[in-house]
PDB file of N, CA and C in Angstrom:
ATOM      1  N   UNK A   1      12.317  10.672 -27.425  1.00  0.00           N
ATOM      2  CA  UNK A   1      12.872  10.911 -26.119  1.00  0.00           C
ATOM      3  C   UNK A   1      11.981  11.908 -25.395  1.00  0.00           C
ATOM      4  N   UNK A   2      11.701  11.616 -24.132  1.00  0.00           N
ATOM      5  CA  UNK A   2      10.947  12.524 -23.276  1.00  0.00           C
ATOM      6  C   UNK A   2      11.887  13.081 -22.221  1.00  0.00           C
ATOM      7  N   UNK A   3      11.865  14.375 -22.066  1.00  0.00           N
ATOM      8  CA  UNK A   3      12.712  15.030 -21.074  1.00  0.00           C
ATOM      9  C   UNK A   3      11.876  15.386 -19.859  1.00  0.00           C
ATOM     10  N   UNK A   4      12.373  15.023 -18.687  1.00  0.00           N
ATOM     11  CA  UNK A   4      11.685  15.382 -17.452  1.00  0.00           C
ATOM     12  C   UNK A   4      12.168  16.757 -17.036  1.00  0.00           C
ATOM     13  N   UNK A   5      11.233  17.663 -16.893  1.00  0.00           N
ATOM     14  CA  UNK A   5      11.586  19.013 -16.476  1.00  0.00           C
ATOM     15  C   UNK A   5      11.283  19.151 -14.990  1.00  0.00           C
ATOM     16  N   UNK A   6      12.278  19.541 -14.221  1.00  0.00           N
ATOM     17  CA  UNK A   6      12.122  19.647 -12.775  1.00  0.00           C
ATOM     18  C   UNK A   6      12.488  21.053 -12.343  1.00  0.00           C
ATOM     19  N   UNK A   7      11.675  21.622 -11.493  1.00  0.00           N
ATOM     20  CA  UNK A   7      11.989  22.924 -10.917  1.00  0.00           C
ATOM     21  C   UNK A   7      11.431  22.951  -9.510  1.00  0.00           C
ATOM     22  N   UNK A   8      11.764  23.974  -8.780  1.00  0.00           N
ATOM     23  CA  UNK A   8      11.283  24.095  -7.403  1.00  0.00           C
ATOM     24  C   UNK A   8      12.205  23.386  -6.429  1.00  0.00           C
ATOM     25  N   UNK A   9      11.836  23.469  -5.186  1.00  0.00           N
ATOM     26  CA  UNK A   9      12.658  22.897  -4.119  1.00  0.00           C
ATOM     27  C   UNK A   9      12.552  21.375  -4.097  1.00  0.00           C
ATOM     28  N   UNK A  10      13.652  20.739  -3.706  1.00  0.00           N
ATOM     29  CA  UNK A  10      13.683  19.287  -3.563  1.00  0.00           C
ATOM     30  C   UNK A  10      12.830  18.871  -2.362  1.00  0.00           C
ATOM     31  N   UNK A  11      12.284  17.672  -2.412  1.00  0.00           N
ATOM     32  CA  UNK A  11      11.545  17.144  -1.260  1.00  0.00           C
ATOM     33  C   UNK A  11      12.519  16.987  -0.093  1.00  0.00           C
ATOM     34  N   UNK A  12      12.087  17.326   1.129  1.00  0.00           N
ATOM     35  CA  UNK A  12      12.996  17.256   2.279  1.00  0.00           C
ATOM     36  C   UNK A  12      13.167  15.830   2.794  1.00  0.00           C
ATOM     37  N   UNK A  13      14.259  15.609   3.554  1.00  0.00           N
ATOM     38  CA  UNK A  13      14.435  14.350   4.271  1.00  0.00           C
ATOM     39  C   UNK A  13      13.313  14.228   5.292  1.00  0.00           C
ATOM     40  N   UNK A  14      12.903  13.002   5.564  1.00  0.00           N
ATOM     41  CA  UNK A  14      11.787  12.772   6.473  1.00  0.00           C
ATOM     42  C   UNK A  14      12.113  11.616   7.405  1.00  0.00           C
ATOM     43  N   UNK A  15      11.780  11.757   8.679  1.00  0.00           N
ATOM     44  CA  UNK A  15      11.903  10.681   9.659  1.00  0.00           C
ATOM     45  C   UNK A  15      10.521  10.458  10.255  1.00  0.00           C
ATOM     46  N   UNK A  16      10.028   9.220  10.149  1.00  0.00           N
ATOM     47  CA  UNK A  16       8.694   8.885  10.627  1.00  0.00           C
ATOM     48  C   UNK A  16       8.810   7.765  11.655  1.00  0.00           C
ATOM     49  N   UNK A  17       8.139   7.923  12.800  1.00  0.00           N
ATOM     50  CA  UNK A  17       8.057   6.877  13.817  1.00  0.00           C
ATOM     51  C   UNK A  17       6.593   6.480  13.945  1.00  0.00           C
ATOM     52  N   UNK A  18       6.329   5.167  13.883  1.00  0.00           N
ATOM     53  CA  UNK A  18       4.945   4.696  13.925  1.00  0.00           C
ATOM     54  C   UNK A  18       4.882   3.294  14.517  1.00  0.00           C
ATOM     55  N   UNK A  19       3.679   2.874  14.870  1.00  0.00           N
ATOM     56  CA  UNK A  19       3.469   1.526  15.400  1.00  0.00           C
ATOM     57  C   UNK A  19       3.623   0.522  14.264  1.00  0.00           C
ATOM     58  N   UNK A  20       4.521  -0.451  14.442  1.00  0.00           N
ATOM     59  CA  UNK A  20       4.805  -1.429  13.393  1.00  0.00           C
ATOM     60  C   UNK A  20       3.559  -2.216  12.997  1.00  0.00           C
ATOM     61  N   UNK A  21       2.697  -2.481  13.943  1.00  0.00           N
ATOM     62  CA  UNK A  21       1.500  -3.281  13.673  1.00  0.00           C
ATOM     63  C   UNK A  21       0.463  -2.537  12.838  1.00  0.00           C
ATOM     64  N   UNK A  22       0.559  -1.208  12.768  1.00  0.00           N
ATOM     65  CA  UNK A  22      -0.460  -0.448  12.045  1.00  0.00           C
ATOM     66  C   UNK A  22      -0.058  -0.077  10.627  1.00  0.00           C
ATOM     67  N   UNK A  23       1.234  -0.100  10.298  1.00  0.00           N
ATOM     68  CA  UNK A  23       1.663   0.324   8.971  1.00  0.00           C
ATOM     69  C   UNK A  23       1.517   1.827   8.798  1.00  0.00           C
ATOM     70  N   UNK A  24       1.901   2.321   7.630  1.00  0.00           N
ATOM     71  CA  UNK A  24       1.862   3.773   7.424  1.00  0.00           C
ATOM     72  C   UNK A  24       1.968   4.069   5.935  1.00  0.00           C
ATOM     73  N   UNK A  25       1.282   5.130   5.488  1.00  0.00           N
ATOM     74  CA  UNK A  25       1.452   5.693   4.147  1.00  0.00           C
ATOM     75  C   UNK A  25       2.088   7.061   4.319  1.00  0.00           C
ATOM     76  N   UNK A  26       3.178   7.303   3.594  1.00  0.00           N
ATOM     77  CA  UNK A  26       3.947   8.536   3.732  1.00  0.00           C
ATOM     78  C   UNK A  26       4.017   9.206   2.360  1.00  0.00           C
ATOM     79  N   UNK A  27       3.645  10.480   2.296  1.00  0.00           N
ATOM     80  CA  UNK A  27       3.690  11.236   1.048  1.00  0.00           C
ATOM     81  C   UNK A  27       4.755  12.315   1.177  1.00  0.00           C
ATOM     82  N   UNK A  28       5.742  12.292   0.285  1.00  0.00           N
ATOM     83  CA  UNK A  28       6.772  13.333   0.239  1.00  0.00           C
ATOM     84  C   UNK A  28       6.417  14.298  -0.879  1.00  0.00           C
ATOM     85  N   UNK A  29       6.503  15.578  -0.575  1.00  0.00           N
ATOM     86  CA  UNK A  29       6.177  16.614  -1.560  1.00  0.00           C
ATOM     87  C   UNK A  29       7.380  17.519  -1.794  1.00  0.00           C
ATOM     88  N   UNK A  30       7.459  18.046  -3.016  1.00  0.00           N
ATOM     89  CA  UNK A  30       8.422  19.103  -3.296  1.00  0.00           C
ATOM     90  C   UNK A  30       8.037  20.308  -2.448  1.00  0.00           C
ATOM     91  N   UNK A  31       8.990  21.176  -2.199  1.00  0.00           N
ATOM     92  CA  UNK A  31       8.705  22.387  -1.428  1.00  0.00           C
ATOM     93  C   UNK A  31       7.932  23.404  -2.237  1.00  0.00           C
ATOM     94  N   UNK A  32       7.579  24.524  -1.600  1.00  0.00           N
ATOM     95  CA  UNK A  32       6.878  25.605  -2.290  1.00  0.00           C
ATOM     96  C   UNK A  32       7.726  26.126  -3.452  1.00  0.00           C
ATOM     97  N   UNK A  33       7.164  26.626  -4.495  1.00  0.00           N
ATOM     98  CA  UNK A  33       5.769  27.019  -4.610  1.00  0.00           C
ATOM     99  C   UNK A  33       4.857  25.922  -5.165  1.00  0.00           C
ATOM    100  N   UNK A  34       5.393  24.842  -5.736  1.00  0.00           N
ATOM    101  CA  UNK A  34       4.506  23.880  -6.404  1.00  0.00           C
ATOM    102  C   UNK A  34       3.925  22.812  -5.475  1.00  0.00           C
ATOM    103  N   UNK A  35       4.659  22.362  -4.471  1.00  0.00           N
ATOM    104  CA  UNK A  35       4.180  21.356  -3.513  1.00  0.00           C
ATOM    105  C   UNK A  35       3.653  20.089  -4.175  1.00  0.00           C
ATOM    106  N   UNK A  36       4.194  19.716  -5.325  1.00  0.00           N
ATOM    107  CA  UNK A  36       3.732  18.507  -6.004  1.00  0.00           C
ATOM    108  C   UNK A  36       4.258  17.264  -5.296  1.00  0.00           C
ATOM    109  N   UNK A  37       3.555  16.161  -5.480  1.00  0.00           N
ATOM    110  CA  UNK A  37       3.954  14.899  -4.855  1.00  0.00           C
ATOM    111  C   UNK A  37       5.222  14.390  -5.527  1.00  0.00           C
ATOM    112  N   UNK A  38       6.243  14.089  -4.724  1.00  0.00           N
ATOM    113  CA  UNK A  38       7.494  13.524  -5.215  1.00  0.00           C
ATOM    114  C   UNK A  38       7.444  12.004  -5.129  1.00  0.00           C
ATOM    115  N   UNK A  39       6.957  11.479  -4.009  1.00  0.00           N
ATOM    116  CA  UNK A  39       6.895  10.029  -3.822  1.00  0.00           C
ATOM    117  C   UNK A  39       5.841   9.681  -2.784  1.00  0.00           C
ATOM    118  N   UNK A  40       5.292   8.489  -2.924  1.00  0.00           N
ATOM    119  CA  UNK A  40       4.373   7.944  -1.932  1.00  0.00           C
ATOM    120  C   UNK A  40       4.926   6.586  -1.514  1.00  0.00           C
ATOM    121  N   UNK A  41       5.165   6.422  -0.222  1.00  0.00           N
ATOM    122  CA  UNK A  41       5.740   5.186   0.316  1.00  0.00           C
ATOM    123  C   UNK A  41       4.687   4.535   1.205  1.00  0.00           C
ATOM    124  N   UNK A  42       4.312   3.297   0.883  1.00  0.00           N
ATOM    125  CA  UNK A  42       3.335   2.556   1.678  1.00  0.00           C
ATOM    126  C   UNK A  42       4.037   1.416   2.401  1.00  0.00           C
ATOM    127  N   UNK A  43       3.944   1.414   3.728  1.00  0.00           N
ATOM    128  CA  UNK A  43       4.521   0.361   4.559  1.00  0.00           C
ATOM    129  C   UNK A  43       3.350  -0.447   5.117  1.00  0.00           C
ATOM    130  N   UNK A  44       3.183  -1.711   4.683  1.00  0.00           N
ATOM    131  CA  UNK A  44       2.069  -2.512   5.185  1.00  0.00           C
ATOM    132  C   UNK A  44       2.235  -2.847   6.667  1.00  0.00           C
ATOM    133  N   UNK A  45       1.140  -3.106   7.372  1.00  0.00           N
ATOM    134  CA  UNK A  45       1.236  -3.504   8.779  1.00  0.00           C
ATOM    135  C   UNK A  45       2.128  -4.737   8.938  1.00  0.00           C
ATOM    136  N   UNK A  46       3.041  -4.686   9.903  1.00  0.00           N
ATOM    137  CA  UNK A  46       3.920  -5.816  10.179  1.00  0.00           C
ATOM    138  C   UNK A  46       5.104  -5.968   9.236  1.00  0.00           C
ATOM    139  N   UNK A  47       5.288  -5.051   8.275  1.00  0.00           N
ATOM    140  CA  UNK A  47       6.401  -5.164   7.324  1.00  0.00           C
ATOM    141  C   UNK A  47       7.750  -4.901   7.979  1.00  0.00           C
ATOM    142  N   UNK A  48       7.758  -4.120   9.054  1.00  0.00           N
ATOM    143  CA  UNK A  48       8.984  -3.831   9.799  1.00  0.00           C
ATOM    144  C   UNK A  48       8.827  -4.360  11.224  1.00  0.00           C
ATOM    145  N   UNK A  49       9.847  -5.073  11.704  1.00  0.00           N
ATOM    146  CA  UNK A  49       9.816  -5.627  13.062  1.00  0.00           C
ATOM    147  C   UNK A  49      10.835  -4.894  13.923  1.00  0.00           C
ATOM    148  N   UNK A  50      10.387  -4.281  15.019  1.00  0.00           N
ATOM    149  CA  UNK A  50      11.319  -3.576  15.903  1.00  0.00           C
ATOM    150  C   UNK A  50      12.359  -4.539  16.470  1.00  0.00           C
ATOM    151  N   UNK A  51      13.624  -4.141  16.456  1.00  0.00           N
ATOM    152  CA  UNK A  51      14.697  -4.993  16.979  1.00  0.00           C
ATOM    153  C   UNK A  51      14.646  -5.124  18.494  1.00  0.00           C
ATOM    154  N   UNK A  52      14.112  -4.121  19.170  1.00  0.00           N
ATOM    155  CA  UNK A  52      14.083  -4.160  20.635  1.00  0.00           C
ATOM    156  C   UNK A  52      12.835  -4.848  21.177  1.00  0.00           C
ATOM    157  N   UNK A  53      11.990  -5.366  20.302  1.00  0.00           N
ATOM    158  CA  UNK A  53      10.784  -6.043  20.737  1.00  0.00           C
ATOM    159  C   UNK A  53       9.638  -5.103  21.076  1.00  0.00           C
ATOM    160  N   UNK A  54       9.864  -3.799  21.000  1.00  0.00           N
ATOM    161  CA  UNK A  54       8.807  -2.816  21.267  1.00  0.00           C
ATOM    162  C   UNK A  54       7.841  -2.739  20.099  1.00  0.00           C
ATOM    163  N   UNK A  55       6.927  -1.809  20.171  1.00  0.00           N
ATOM    164  CA  UNK A  55       5.922  -1.697  19.127  1.00  0.00           C
ATOM    165  C   UNK A  55       6.185  -0.625  18.095  1.00  0.00           C
ATOM    166  N   UNK A  56       7.172   0.266  18.351  1.00  0.00           N
ATOM    167  CA  UNK A  56       7.422   1.389  17.446  1.00  0.00           C
ATOM    168  C   UNK A  56       8.627   1.137  16.542  1.00  0.00           C
ATOM    169  N   UNK A  57       8.534   1.621  15.311  1.00  0.00           N
ATOM    170  CA  UNK A  57       9.659   1.584  14.376  1.00  0.00           C
ATOM    171  C   UNK A  57       9.859   2.989  13.815  1.00  0.00           C
ATOM    172  N   UNK A  58      11.089   3.296  13.415  1.00  0.00           N
ATOM    173  CA  UNK A  58      11.406   4.571  12.763  1.00  0.00           C
ATOM    174  C   UNK A  58      11.916   4.285  11.363  1.00  0.00           C
ATOM    175  N   UNK A  59      11.527   5.130  10.423  1.00  0.00           N
ATOM    176  CA  UNK A  59      11.939   4.994   9.036  1.00  0.00           C
ATOM    177  C   UNK A  59      12.421   6.350   8.548  1.00  0.00           C
ATOM    178  N   UNK A  60      13.649   6.385   8.034  1.00  0.00           N
ATOM    179  CA  UNK A  60      14.224   7.600   7.472  1.00  0.00           C
ATOM    180  C   UNK A  60      14.106   7.525   5.953  1.00  0.00           C
ATOM    181  N   UNK A  61      13.581   8.587   5.351  1.00  0.00           N
ATOM    182  CA  UNK A  61      13.411   8.650   3.899  1.00  0.00           C
ATOM    183  C   UNK A  61      14.170   9.865   3.392  1.00  0.00           C
ATOM    184  N   UNK A  62      15.097   9.621   2.456  1.00  0.00           N
ATOM    185  CA  UNK A  62      15.907  10.710   1.897  1.00  0.00           C
ATOM    186  C   UNK A  62      15.847  10.673   0.373  1.00  0.00           C
ATOM    187  N   UNK A  63      15.369  11.739  -0.254  1.00  0.00           N
ATOM    188  CA  UNK A  63      15.438  11.820  -1.715  1.00  0.00           C
ATOM    189  C   UNK A  63      16.901  11.857  -2.166  1.00  0.00           C
ATOM    190  N   UNK A  64      17.196  11.204  -3.266  1.00  0.00           N
ATOM    191  CA  UNK A  64      18.551  11.187  -3.812  1.00  0.00           C
ATOM    192  C   UNK A  64      18.700  12.331  -4.805  1.00  0.00           C
ATOM    193  N   UNK A  65      19.639  13.245  -4.569  1.00  0.00           N
ATOM    194  CA  UNK A  65      19.796  14.404  -5.448  1.00  0.00           C
ATOM    195  C   UNK A  65      20.153  14.000  -6.879  1.00  0.00           C
ATOM    196  N   UNK A  66      19.521  14.663  -7.825  1.00  0.00           N
ATOM    197  CA  UNK A  66      19.861  14.464  -9.228  1.00  0.00           C
ATOM    198  C   UNK A  66      19.117  13.329  -9.909  1.00  0.00           C
ATOM    199  N   UNK A  67      18.435  12.469  -9.156  1.00  0.00           N
ATOM    200  CA  UNK A  67      17.662  11.381  -9.757  1.00  0.00           C
ATOM    201  C   UNK A  67      16.332  11.259  -9.021  1.00  0.00           C
ATOM    202  N   UNK A  68      15.383  10.618  -9.651  1.00  0.00           N
ATOM    203  CA  UNK A  68      14.120  10.346  -8.971  1.00  0.00           C
ATOM    204  C   UNK A  68      14.271   9.034  -8.224  1.00  0.00           C
ATOM    205  N   UNK A  69      14.830   9.105  -7.035  1.00  0.00           N
ATOM    206  CA  UNK A  69      15.037   7.920  -6.215  1.00  0.00           C
ATOM    207  C   UNK A  69      14.990   8.277  -4.748  1.00  0.00           C
ATOM    208  N   UNK A  70      14.865   7.250  -3.908  1.00  0.00           N
ATOM    209  CA  UNK A  70      14.799   7.429  -2.463  1.00  0.00           C
ATOM    210  C   UNK A  70      15.759   6.477  -1.782  1.00  0.00           C
ATOM    211  N   UNK A  71      16.252   6.895  -0.635  1.00  0.00           N
ATOM    212  CA  UNK A  71      17.016   6.033   0.254  1.00  0.00           C
ATOM    213  C   UNK A  71      16.152   5.802   1.487  1.00  0.00           C
ATOM    214  N   UNK A  72      15.886   4.531   1.809  1.00  0.00           N
ATOM    215  CA  UNK A  72      15.097   4.174   2.990  1.00  0.00           C
ATOM    216  C   UNK A  72      16.021   3.507   3.996  1.00  0.00           C
ATOM    217  N   UNK A  73      15.993   3.961   5.242  1.00  0.00           N
ATOM    218  CA  UNK A  73      16.831   3.385   6.292  1.00  0.00           C
ATOM    219  C   UNK A  73      16.001   3.186   7.551  1.00  0.00           C
ATOM    220  N   UNK A  74      16.237   2.044   8.233  1.00  0.00           N
ATOM    221  CA  UNK A  74      15.543   1.763   9.482  1.00  0.00           C
ATOM    222  C   UNK A  74      16.366   0.787  10.304  1.00  0.00           C
ATOM    223  N   UNK A  75      16.272   0.905  11.620  1.00  0.00           N
ATOM    224  CA  UNK A  75      16.888  -0.065  12.523  1.00  0.00           C
ATOM    225  C   UNK A  75      16.056  -1.347  12.557  1.00  0.00           C
ATOM    226  N   UNK A  76      14.807  -1.257  12.164  1.00  0.00           N
ATOM    227  CA  UNK A  76      13.899  -2.403  12.193  1.00  0.00           C
ATOM    228  C   UNK A  76      14.262  -3.393  11.094  1.00  0.00           C
ATOM    229  N   UNK A  77      13.922  -4.652  11.334  1.00  0.00           N
ATOM    230  CA  UNK A  77      14.168  -5.705  10.345  1.00  0.00           C
ATOM    231  C   UNK A  77      12.953  -5.840   9.426  1.00  0.00           C
ATOM    232  N   UNK A  78      13.216  -6.135   8.145  1.00  0.00           N
ATOM    233  CA  UNK A  78      12.123  -6.423   7.215  1.00  0.00           C
ATOM    234  C   UNK A  78      11.578  -7.811   7.517  1.00  0.00           C
ATOM    235  N   UNK A  79      10.263  -7.946   7.440  1.00  0.00           N
ATOM    236  CA  UNK A  79       9.667  -9.262   7.697  1.00  0.00           C
ATOM    237  C   UNK A  79       9.028  -9.810   6.451  1.00  0.00           C
TER     238      UNK A  79
END
């Protein structure tokens, strides 16, 4: 059995707005003092389609307390 040891501040909630056609790579880090990478989320170009027909999409990323997981939310549709 391997035990995961976690200390330091939890990664914060993040809201990112970007052009859907360009895609985005988002890196979430734990807070100080360690600032280690918690998660890396890659959204390929065109993966999210704006519902209003515009070019921008917003993506909310929330770490789930107590587990190594994320909640992703967006008004945009997956394509």
